[in-house]
Amino acid sequence: MRVLTTFALALVCAGSLAGQSEGIFPFDYRLVELDNGFKAYLIKAGAPGQIAYVSIVRTGSRDEVEAGKSGFAHFFEHMMFRGTDKYPNYDLITSQMGASRNAFTGNDLTVYYLVASSEYLEQIVDLESDRFRNLNYDEPGFRTEAGAILGEYMQGALSPGRWLDERVRSLAYDRHTYGHTTIGYEADVRAMPEGYDYSLSFYRRFYRPENVVLVLSGDFDYDEAEQLIRQHYDAWEAGYVPPNITAEPRQRGTRRQTVRYPGRTLPVLSINYKAPAWSDTNKMAVATEVLGEVAFGPNSAIYRKLVIDEQRVQYLGAGFGLARDPALVSISTMVVNPDDVEAVEREIQDAVEQARETLVDERMLNDTKSAMKYGFLMGLETAQNVGFAMISYVINTGGIEAVDEYYRTLDSITPEDIREAARTYLIDSSKTVVLMVQEGGE
């Protein structure tokens, strides 16, 4: 702990010298805002001679509101590497730079990133702005990529985690688009090769400057970077219109289902509750994230009992990270003995009731908040880490300014706040329980 704290304090001190006198974020940065709504955060951080260029699109599977069109956000994660008239071979160009580049899609986001030598900054700005403005592909190329995505879908179809996730979402959601996974429904993926015209409209709707935020972190000159960004992104035409996403209606009672996995598995129990949307200022939202750690994390009483002392479960996990819209928080476990599933669920329910009725130990709460804070700081060691650490703030708020406000709110969380969050959200009327067992088992 001494090494961790010393490193974190060094970061804070370095940030203070750079002009960040308040808050946890330790690095100086510059915000560049264009008239078309595009924003770029320029953060001086990381190793000398390296940059990370992280383009964050505030669109994910959440935005797929049209029936039969799930999976297109993930589809564009693939298509954005197809090239443009100016740069028809994206892979070759980035390979010649020696750049590490990739992308990923989630419920609320699609992210593209490159990590390269600082000397390639001008070329990277030109390359990335060009594909965001001028992506070009024909129908045969579209069909080829759509076929590859179907292959990806089928390859992962029997992954236990995705298989279970699909069934949890299906049971828990009635109307919100969080009801489908990022890769989409199988029927929609199979129909995707016929959606060429729709794909072009998707690109025109969502890949607009108001819906994309750039985080450039690493070793560069502020003025040069700003000049390049203005030069290459200023002509990007605005026009983003947010989709009309249907809110999930209030759940009125516990939902429960046993599903039979067509492969080998020990019983997996997934217990889920409807939670609030992410917020940097709402104490109940931040307290809910902390609640998962103190009630079900590695230092919790139930974790020590079930995982360490009695070894009745292979793992016990708490997924209490919040999303852009109200989503699920979950407690999941793999039970060693199938006959012990009901007893393990009672143990988890007892822990839930204890969280609702008893104040968490203040020392444990303070240790948890410190671990969250210094875990964040310790994750800022490279330019790529810094860029990635900003993603959730950009997705949820449109910028990185919420970092400091989030940790100020975290500092203010009390045992009473943790109990109130449990009483508000860990309730039977919003609970969805899915037990996954091996097909043919009891």
Protein backbone atom coordinates (compact mmCIF):
# COMPACT_ATOMS: atom_id res chain seq x y z
CA MET A 1 0.00 0.00 0.00
CA ARG A 2 2.91 2.39 0.68
CA VAL A 3 4.17 2.15 -2.91
CA LEU A 4 0.68 2.70 -4.30
CA THR A 5 0.00 5.72 -2.13
CA THR A 6 3.39 7.27 -2.85
CA PHE A 7 2.89 6.90 -6.59
CA ALA A 8 -0.59 8.38 -6.45
CA LEU A 9 0.60 11.34 -4.39
CA ALA A 10 3.42 11.90 -6.87
CA LEU A 11 0.87 12.06 -9.67
CA VAL A 12 -1.23 14.57 -7.76
CA CYS A 13 1.82 16.72 -7.08
CA ALA A 14 2.85 16.58 -10.73
CA GLY A 15 -0.64 17.67 -11.74
CA SER A 16 -0.53 20.59 -9.33
CA LEU A 17 2.71 21.84 -10.86
CA ALA A 18 1.08 21.61 -14.29
CA GLY A 19 -1.81 23.81 -13.20
CA GLN A 20 -4.41 21.34 -11.96
CA SER A 21 -4.72 22.72 -8.44
CA GLU A 22 -7.92 20.95 -7.41
CA GLY A 23 -9.40 17.53 -7.90
CA ILE A 24 -7.98 14.07 -8.44
CA PHE A 25 -7.06 14.27 -12.14
CA PRO A 26 -3.31 14.77 -12.10
CA PHE A 27 -2.54 16.02 -15.61
CA ASP A 28 -2.91 19.32 -17.36
CA TYR A 29 -4.99 19.30 -20.54
CA ARG A 30 -6.46 21.54 -23.21
CA LEU A 31 -10.00 21.36 -24.58
CA VAL A 32 -10.46 22.14 -28.25
CA GLU A 33 -14.08 22.80 -29.30
CA LEU A 34 -15.07 23.32 -32.92
CA ASP A 35 -18.15 25.12 -34.25
CA ASN A 36 -19.54 21.83 -35.59
CA GLY A 37 -19.71 20.38 -32.06
CA PHE A 38 -16.56 18.25 -32.23
CA LYS A 39 -14.49 18.20 -29.04
CA ALA A 40 -10.92 17.08 -28.47
CA TYR A 41 -9.18 16.75 -25.11
CA LEU A 42 -5.41 17.09 -25.35
CA ILE A 43 -3.73 15.53 -22.30
CA LYS A 44 0.02 15.68 -21.73
CA ALA A 45 0.75 12.36 -20.04
CA GLY A 46 2.57 9.06 -20.49
CA ALA A 47 6.01 8.10 -21.77
CA PRO A 48 8.13 10.44 -23.91
CA GLY A 49 7.82 9.98 -27.65
CA GLN A 50 4.45 8.21 -27.64
CA ILE A 51 0.83 9.21 -28.24
CA ALA A 52 -2.54 7.50 -27.88
CA TYR A 53 -5.30 8.69 -30.20
CA VAL A 54 -8.68 7.58 -28.83
CA SER A 55 -11.81 8.43 -30.83
CA ILE A 56 -14.94 7.86 -28.75
CA VAL A 57 -18.29 7.54 -30.52
CA ARG A 58 -21.20 7.97 -28.12
CA THR A 59 -23.18 5.28 -29.91
CA GLY A 60 -23.47 1.60 -29.07
CA SER A 61 -26.10 -1.13 -29.12
CA ARG A 62 -28.22 1.15 -26.91
CA ASP A 63 -28.87 3.34 -29.97
CA GLU A 64 -30.19 0.50 -32.17
CA VAL A 65 -33.86 1.38 -31.83
CA GLU A 66 -35.19 0.11 -35.18
CA ALA A 67 -36.65 -3.40 -35.08
CA GLY A 68 -34.54 -5.90 -37.00
CA LYS A 69 -31.45 -3.68 -36.99
CA SER A 70 -29.56 -4.72 -33.89
CA GLY A 71 -25.82 -5.20 -34.27
CA PHE A 72 -25.03 -2.26 -36.56
CA ALA A 73 -22.96 -0.35 -34.01
CA HIS A 74 -20.70 -3.39 -33.74
CA PHE A 75 -20.81 -3.75 -37.53
CA PHE A 76 -19.23 -0.31 -37.90
CA GLU A 77 -16.43 -1.28 -35.58
CA HIS A 78 -15.46 -3.58 -38.47
CA MET A 79 -16.35 -1.36 -41.41
CA MET A 80 -14.35 1.63 -40.19
CA PHE A 81 -11.19 -0.27 -41.12
CA ARG A 82 -12.26 -0.70 -44.78
CA GLY A 83 -10.56 2.51 -45.93
CA THR A 84 -11.38 5.66 -47.91
CA ASP A 85 -10.57 7.01 -51.34
CA LYS A 86 -7.58 8.83 -49.89
CA TYR A 87 -6.40 5.97 -47.69
CA PRO A 88 -7.74 2.73 -49.24
CA ASN A 89 -5.48 0.45 -47.17
CA TYR A 90 -5.81 1.47 -43.53
CA ASP A 91 -4.06 -1.62 -42.20
CA LEU A 92 -0.99 -1.13 -44.36
CA ILE A 93 -0.57 2.51 -43.41
CA THR A 94 -0.88 1.91 -39.68
CA SER A 95 1.43 -1.11 -39.89
CA GLN A 96 4.08 1.04 -41.59
CA MET A 97 3.85 3.43 -38.63
CA GLY A 98 4.35 0.54 -36.21
CA ALA A 99 1.08 1.62 -34.62
CA SER A 100 -1.04 -0.52 -32.33
CA ARG A 101 -4.66 0.00 -33.37
CA ASN A 102 -8.00 -1.60 -32.66
CA ALA A 103 -11.62 -0.89 -31.73
CA PHE A 104 -14.37 -2.14 -29.45
CA THR A 105 -18.12 -1.72 -29.05
CA GLY A 106 -20.39 -1.81 -26.01
CA ASN A 107 -23.88 -0.90 -24.90
CA ASP A 108 -23.18 2.82 -24.96
CA LEU A 109 -20.08 3.28 -27.10
CA THR A 110 -17.84 2.47 -30.02
CA VAL A 111 -14.16 3.31 -29.49
CA TYR A 112 -11.29 3.43 -31.99
CA TYR A 113 -7.69 3.87 -30.91
CA LEU A 114 -4.13 4.04 -32.16
CA VAL A 115 -0.93 4.07 -30.13
CA ALA A 116 2.12 5.23 -32.04
CA SER A 117 5.26 7.31 -32.01
CA SER A 118 4.65 11.03 -31.58
CA GLU A 119 6.34 11.71 -34.93
CA TYR A 120 3.24 10.38 -36.69
CA LEU A 121 0.78 12.80 -35.10
CA GLU A 122 0.08 14.78 -38.27
CA GLN A 123 -0.45 11.65 -40.36
CA ILE A 124 -2.69 10.10 -37.71
CA VAL A 125 -4.91 13.18 -37.45
CA ASP A 126 -5.28 13.17 -41.23
CA LEU A 127 -5.92 9.42 -41.37
CA GLU A 128 -8.47 9.30 -38.55
CA SER A 129 -10.39 12.42 -39.50
CA ASP A 130 -10.60 11.14 -43.07
CA ARG A 131 -12.18 7.80 -42.18
CA PHE A 132 -14.65 9.43 -39.79
CA ARG A 133 -15.71 11.87 -42.52
CA ASN A 134 -15.24 9.87 -45.70
CA LEU A 135 -15.59 6.15 -45.05
CA ASN A 136 -16.18 4.43 -48.38
CA TYR A 137 -17.30 0.89 -49.11
CA ASP A 138 -19.34 -0.79 -51.82
CA GLU A 139 -22.09 -3.38 -51.46
CA PRO A 140 -19.85 -6.41 -52.14
CA GLY A 141 -17.43 -5.21 -49.45
CA PHE A 142 -20.34 -4.67 -47.10
CA ARG A 143 -21.64 -8.19 -47.71
CA THR A 144 -18.20 -9.66 -47.12
CA GLU A 145 -17.91 -7.96 -43.75
CA ALA A 146 -21.48 -8.87 -42.80
CA GLY A 147 -20.65 -12.50 -43.48
CA ALA A 148 -17.58 -12.25 -41.27
CA ILE A 149 -19.74 -10.85 -38.46
CA LEU A 150 -22.13 -13.78 -38.78
CA GLY A 151 -19.11 -16.06 -38.42
CA GLU A 152 -18.07 -14.14 -35.30
CA TYR A 153 -21.60 -14.48 -33.94
CA MET A 154 -21.70 -18.23 -34.50
CA GLN A 155 -18.21 -18.74 -33.10
CA GLY A 156 -19.22 -17.12 -29.82
CA ALA A 157 -22.83 -18.32 -29.73
CA LEU A 158 -22.08 -21.05 -27.20
CA SER A 159 -19.69 -19.06 -25.07
CA PRO A 160 -21.21 -19.59 -21.59
CA GLY A 161 -20.89 -15.93 -20.65
CA ARG A 162 -22.60 -14.58 -23.76
CA TRP A 163 -25.19 -17.35 -23.75
CA LEU A 164 -26.18 -16.48 -20.19
CA ASP A 165 -26.03 -12.72 -20.82
CA GLU A 166 -28.49 -13.02 -23.70
CA ARG A 167 -30.99 -14.83 -21.49
CA VAL A 168 -30.60 -12.43 -18.57
CA ARG A 169 -31.24 -9.44 -20.84
CA SER A 170 -34.20 -11.13 -22.50
CA LEU A 171 -35.84 -11.79 -19.15
CA ALA A 172 -34.95 -8.50 -17.45
CA TYR A 173 -35.91 -6.00 -20.18
CA ASP A 174 -39.27 -5.41 -21.81
CA ARG A 175 -38.62 -2.35 -23.99
CA HIS A 176 -35.17 -0.76 -23.57
CA THR A 177 -32.47 -1.55 -26.12
CA TYR A 178 -30.21 -2.91 -23.37
CA GLY A 179 -32.36 -6.00 -23.92
CA HIS A 180 -30.06 -7.14 -26.74
CA THR A 181 -26.34 -7.77 -26.63
CA THR A 182 -23.80 -5.73 -28.55
CA ILE A 183 -23.41 -8.24 -31.37
CA GLY A 184 -27.19 -8.25 -31.86
CA TYR A 185 -29.92 -10.82 -32.24
CA GLU A 186 -29.08 -13.83 -34.40
CA ALA A 187 -31.91 -13.14 -36.87
CA ASP A 188 -30.70 -9.56 -37.32
CA VAL A 189 -27.11 -10.65 -37.88
CA ARG A 190 -28.24 -13.20 -40.47
CA ALA A 191 -30.25 -10.51 -42.26
CA MET A 192 -27.42 -7.97 -42.17
CA PRO A 193 -26.05 -8.70 -45.70
CA GLU A 194 -29.28 -7.20 -47.08
CA GLY A 195 -28.84 -3.98 -45.12
CA TYR A 196 -26.35 -2.07 -47.28
CA ASP A 197 -28.51 1.04 -47.70
CA TYR A 198 -29.40 1.03 -44.02
CA SER A 199 -25.70 0.83 -43.13
CA LEU A 200 -25.00 4.01 -45.09
CA SER A 201 -27.79 5.81 -43.24
CA PHE A 202 -26.45 4.54 -39.90
CA TYR A 203 -23.04 6.00 -40.71
CA ARG A 204 -24.52 9.34 -41.76
CA ARG A 205 -26.67 9.55 -38.62
CA PHE A 206 -24.22 8.58 -35.89
CA TYR A 207 -20.75 9.40 -37.23
CA ARG A 208 -21.18 13.13 -36.83
CA PRO A 209 -18.89 15.59 -35.03
CA GLU A 210 -21.33 16.30 -32.18
CA ASN A 211 -21.38 12.59 -31.32
CA VAL A 212 -17.63 11.94 -31.34
CA VAL A 213 -15.04 13.04 -28.77
CA LEU A 214 -11.30 12.70 -29.27
CA VAL A 215 -8.91 12.09 -26.40
CA LEU A 216 -5.30 12.62 -27.46
CA SER A 217 -2.88 11.71 -24.68
CA GLY A 218 0.89 11.43 -24.60
CA ASP A 219 3.87 13.48 -25.73
CA PHE A 220 3.01 16.27 -28.19
CA ASP A 221 2.91 20.03 -28.58
CA TYR A 222 -0.42 21.59 -27.62
CA ASP A 223 -0.42 24.26 -30.32
CA GLU A 224 0.58 21.86 -33.09
CA ALA A 225 -2.06 19.32 -32.05
CA GLU A 226 -4.81 21.94 -31.84
CA GLN A 227 -3.89 23.38 -35.23
CA LEU A 228 -4.01 19.92 -36.82
CA ILE A 229 -7.36 19.10 -35.25
CA ARG A 230 -8.91 22.35 -36.39
CA GLN A 231 -7.49 21.87 -39.88
CA HIS A 232 -8.76 18.32 -40.34
CA TYR A 233 -12.04 18.23 -38.40
CA ASP A 234 -13.46 21.71 -38.91
CA ALA A 235 -15.14 20.90 -42.25
CA TRP A 236 -16.90 17.81 -40.87
CA GLU A 237 -20.59 18.53 -41.34
CA ALA A 238 -22.78 18.53 -38.24
CA GLY A 239 -26.13 16.76 -38.18
CA TYR A 240 -26.36 14.26 -35.32
CA VAL A 241 -29.87 13.63 -34.00
CA PRO A 242 -30.12 11.43 -30.88
CA PRO A 243 -32.34 8.38 -31.30
CA ASN A 244 -35.59 8.15 -29.36
CA ILE A 245 -34.78 5.39 -26.89
CA THR A 246 -37.78 3.94 -25.08
CA ALA A 247 -37.37 3.97 -21.31
CA GLU A 248 -37.72 0.66 -19.53
CA PRO A 249 -41.00 0.51 -17.57
CA ARG A 250 -40.85 -0.11 -13.86
CA GLN A 251 -40.53 -3.78 -12.97
CA ARG A 252 -43.28 -5.01 -10.67
CA GLY A 253 -41.93 -8.25 -9.24
CA THR A 254 -39.12 -10.79 -9.17
CA ARG A 255 -38.48 -12.58 -12.45
CA ARG A 256 -36.92 -16.04 -12.35
CA GLN A 257 -35.86 -18.57 -14.94
CA THR A 258 -33.73 -21.72 -15.14
CA VAL A 259 -31.98 -22.17 -18.49
CA ARG A 260 -30.17 -25.25 -19.75
CA TYR A 261 -26.80 -24.64 -21.36
CA PRO A 262 -25.99 -27.08 -24.21
CA GLY A 263 -22.50 -27.82 -22.94
CA ARG A 264 -20.57 -28.65 -19.80
CA THR A 265 -20.90 -26.24 -16.91
CA LEU A 266 -21.35 -26.08 -13.18
CA PRO A 267 -24.48 -24.16 -12.13
CA VAL A 268 -24.10 -20.42 -12.60
CA LEU A 269 -26.43 -18.14 -10.64
CA SER A 270 -27.00 -14.60 -11.92
CA ILE A 271 -28.92 -12.25 -9.61
CA ASN A 272 -29.68 -8.85 -11.11
CA TYR A 273 -31.34 -5.63 -9.97
CA LYS A 274 -32.45 -2.51 -11.85
CA ALA A 275 -30.08 0.33 -10.99
CA PRO A 276 -29.90 4.09 -11.69
CA ALA A 277 -28.08 5.70 -14.58
CA TRP A 278 -24.45 6.69 -14.08
CA SER A 279 -23.90 10.07 -12.47
CA ASP A 280 -20.92 12.01 -11.17
CA THR A 281 -23.02 14.08 -8.75
CA ASN A 282 -25.91 11.85 -7.66
CA LYS A 283 -24.88 10.29 -4.34
CA MET A 284 -27.24 7.33 -4.71
CA ALA A 285 -25.70 6.44 -8.07
CA VAL A 286 -22.12 6.62 -6.80
CA ALA A 287 -23.10 4.84 -3.57
CA THR A 288 -24.57 2.00 -5.65
CA GLU A 289 -21.21 1.43 -7.33
CA VAL A 290 -19.49 1.39 -3.93
CA LEU A 291 -22.18 -0.92 -2.56
CA GLY A 292 -21.15 -3.68 -4.93
CA GLU A 293 -17.60 -3.58 -3.59
CA VAL A 294 -18.36 -3.44 0.12
CA ALA A 295 -21.21 -5.98 0.07
CA PHE A 296 -19.96 -8.52 -2.49
CA GLY A 297 -16.36 -7.66 -3.38
CA PRO A 298 -13.22 -9.63 -2.42
CA ASN A 299 -13.12 -8.05 1.06
CA SER A 300 -16.78 -8.72 1.86
CA ALA A 301 -17.95 -11.22 4.46
CA ILE A 302 -19.88 -13.31 1.94
CA TYR A 303 -16.88 -13.54 -0.38
CA ARG A 304 -14.64 -14.73 2.43
CA LYS A 305 -17.25 -17.28 3.50
CA LEU A 306 -18.28 -18.76 0.15
CA VAL A 307 -15.07 -18.45 -1.84
CA ILE A 308 -12.22 -18.62 0.66
CA ASP A 309 -13.35 -20.37 3.84
CA GLU A 310 -15.99 -22.85 2.67
CA GLN A 311 -15.02 -23.00 -1.04
CA ARG A 312 -18.63 -23.64 -2.04
CA VAL A 313 -18.37 -21.49 -5.18
CA GLN A 314 -15.75 -21.15 -7.88
CA TYR A 315 -16.14 -17.39 -7.90
CA LEU A 316 -18.37 -14.60 -6.63
CA GLY A 317 -18.52 -11.48 -8.77
CA ALA A 318 -20.25 -8.15 -8.35
CA GLY A 319 -20.94 -6.14 -11.50
CA PHE A 320 -22.12 -2.80 -10.11
CA GLY A 321 -20.77 -0.46 -12.76
CA LEU A 322 -23.53 1.85 -13.98
CA ALA A 323 -24.47 2.73 -17.56
CA ARG A 324 -25.69 5.75 -19.51
CA ASP A 325 -29.31 4.70 -18.92
CA PRO A 326 -30.68 2.76 -15.95
CA ALA A 327 -29.37 -0.79 -16.36
CA LEU A 328 -28.66 -3.91 -14.33
CA VAL A 329 -26.26 -4.46 -11.49
CA SER A 330 -25.47 -8.09 -10.89
CA ILE A 331 -24.17 -10.66 -8.43
CA SER A 332 -22.97 -13.81 -10.14
CA THR A 333 -21.48 -17.06 -8.85
CA MET A 334 -20.59 -20.56 -10.02
CA VAL A 335 -21.67 -23.15 -7.48
CA VAL A 336 -19.43 -26.18 -6.91
CA ASN A 337 -22.18 -28.59 -5.83
CA PRO A 338 -25.45 -28.44 -7.83
CA ASP A 339 -27.36 -29.48 -4.70
CA ASP A 340 -26.08 -26.34 -2.96
CA VAL A 341 -27.56 -23.76 -5.35
CA GLU A 342 -30.59 -22.86 -3.24
CA ALA A 343 -28.48 -22.54 -0.09
CA VAL A 344 -25.95 -20.30 -1.89
CA GLU A 345 -28.77 -18.09 -3.14
CA ARG A 346 -30.06 -17.78 0.44
CA GLU A 347 -26.57 -16.71 1.54
CA ILE A 348 -26.57 -13.99 -1.12
CA GLN A 349 -30.06 -12.90 -0.12
CA ASP A 350 -28.92 -12.68 3.50
CA ALA A 351 -26.05 -10.43 2.39
CA VAL A 352 -28.51 -8.24 0.48
CA GLU A 353 -30.75 -7.94 3.53
CA GLN A 354 -27.78 -7.13 5.73
CA ALA A 355 -26.79 -4.33 3.32
CA ARG A 356 -30.34 -2.96 3.54
CA GLU A 357 -30.50 -3.07 7.34
CA THR A 358 -26.95 -2.63 8.68
CA LEU A 359 -24.47 0.20 8.31
CA VAL A 360 -21.25 -0.87 6.62
CA ASP A 361 -18.12 -0.65 8.76
CA GLU A 362 -16.74 2.86 8.27
CA ARG A 363 -13.15 1.70 8.05
CA MET A 364 -14.05 -0.81 5.33
CA LEU A 365 -15.93 1.89 3.45
CA ASN A 366 -12.99 4.28 3.65
CA ASP A 367 -10.60 1.55 2.51
CA THR A 368 -12.88 0.77 -0.42
CA LYS A 369 -13.14 4.40 -1.48
CA SER A 370 -9.36 4.75 -1.23
CA ALA A 371 -8.84 1.63 -3.32
CA MET A 372 -11.19 2.98 -5.99
CA LYS A 373 -9.44 6.34 -6.01
CA TYR A 374 -5.88 5.07 -6.07
CA GLY A 375 -6.79 2.29 -8.47
CA PHE A 376 -7.85 5.04 -10.86
CA LEU A 377 -4.59 6.91 -10.34
CA MET A 378 -2.46 3.81 -10.71
CA GLY A 379 -4.14 3.14 -14.04
CA LEU A 380 -2.74 6.36 -15.55
CA GLU A 381 0.77 5.09 -16.21
CA THR A 382 0.75 5.12 -20.04
CA ALA A 383 -0.75 7.33 -22.72
CA GLN A 384 -3.16 4.56 -23.70
CA ASN A 385 -4.22 4.00 -20.10
CA VAL A 386 -4.94 7.71 -19.71
CA GLY A 387 -7.06 7.77 -22.86
CA PHE A 388 -8.98 4.66 -21.85
CA ALA A 389 -9.57 5.97 -18.32
CA MET A 390 -11.48 8.90 -19.82
CA ILE A 391 -13.90 6.78 -21.87
CA SER A 392 -16.65 6.27 -19.30
CA TYR A 393 -16.73 9.99 -18.45
CA VAL A 394 -16.94 10.97 -22.11
CA ILE A 395 -19.69 8.44 -22.82
CA ASN A 396 -21.83 9.46 -19.87
CA THR A 397 -21.31 13.23 -19.92
CA GLY A 398 -19.71 14.20 -23.22
CA GLY A 399 -16.43 15.28 -21.62
CA ILE A 400 -13.76 14.51 -19.03
CA GLU A 401 -14.56 17.30 -16.58
CA ALA A 402 -16.74 14.91 -14.56
CA VAL A 403 -13.67 12.99 -13.33
CA ASP A 404 -13.01 15.38 -10.47
CA GLU A 405 -16.70 15.76 -9.59
CA TYR A 406 -17.15 11.97 -9.47
CA TYR A 407 -14.35 11.53 -6.97
CA ARG A 408 -15.58 14.45 -4.88
CA THR A 409 -18.94 12.70 -4.69
CA LEU A 410 -17.18 9.42 -3.86
CA ASP A 411 -15.36 11.10 -0.96
CA SER A 412 -18.71 12.25 0.45
CA ILE A 413 -20.33 8.78 0.52
CA THR A 414 -21.26 7.64 4.06
CA PRO A 415 -22.38 4.31 5.52
CA GLU A 416 -25.90 5.73 5.57
CA ASP A 417 -25.67 6.39 1.81
CA ILE A 418 -24.62 2.78 1.18
CA ARG A 419 -27.57 1.49 3.21
CA GLU A 420 -29.98 3.82 1.41
CA ALA A 421 -28.70 2.66 -1.99
CA ALA A 422 -29.28 -0.97 -0.97
CA ARG A 423 -32.78 -0.14 0.27
CA THR A 424 -33.56 1.73 -2.94
CA TYR A 425 -32.19 -0.64 -5.56
CA LEU A 426 -31.62 -4.11 -4.08
CA ILE A 427 -35.33 -4.82 -3.88
CA ASP A 428 -37.31 -7.91 -4.86
CA SER A 429 -39.64 -6.03 -7.21
CA SER A 430 -36.71 -5.16 -9.49
CA LYS A 431 -34.88 -8.48 -9.23
CA THR A 432 -34.18 -10.87 -12.12
CA VAL A 433 -32.68 -14.27 -11.31
CA VAL A 434 -31.36 -16.65 -13.96
CA LEU A 435 -29.86 -20.03 -13.09
CA MET A 436 -27.83 -21.65 -15.85
CA VAL A 437 -27.41 -25.41 -15.52
CA GLN A 438 -25.96 -28.07 -17.75
CA GLU A 439 -28.40 -29.56 -20.24
CA GLY A 440 -29.51 -32.93 -18.96
CA GLY A 441 -28.60 -32.04 -15.38
CA GLU A 442 -30.92 -31.42 -12.47
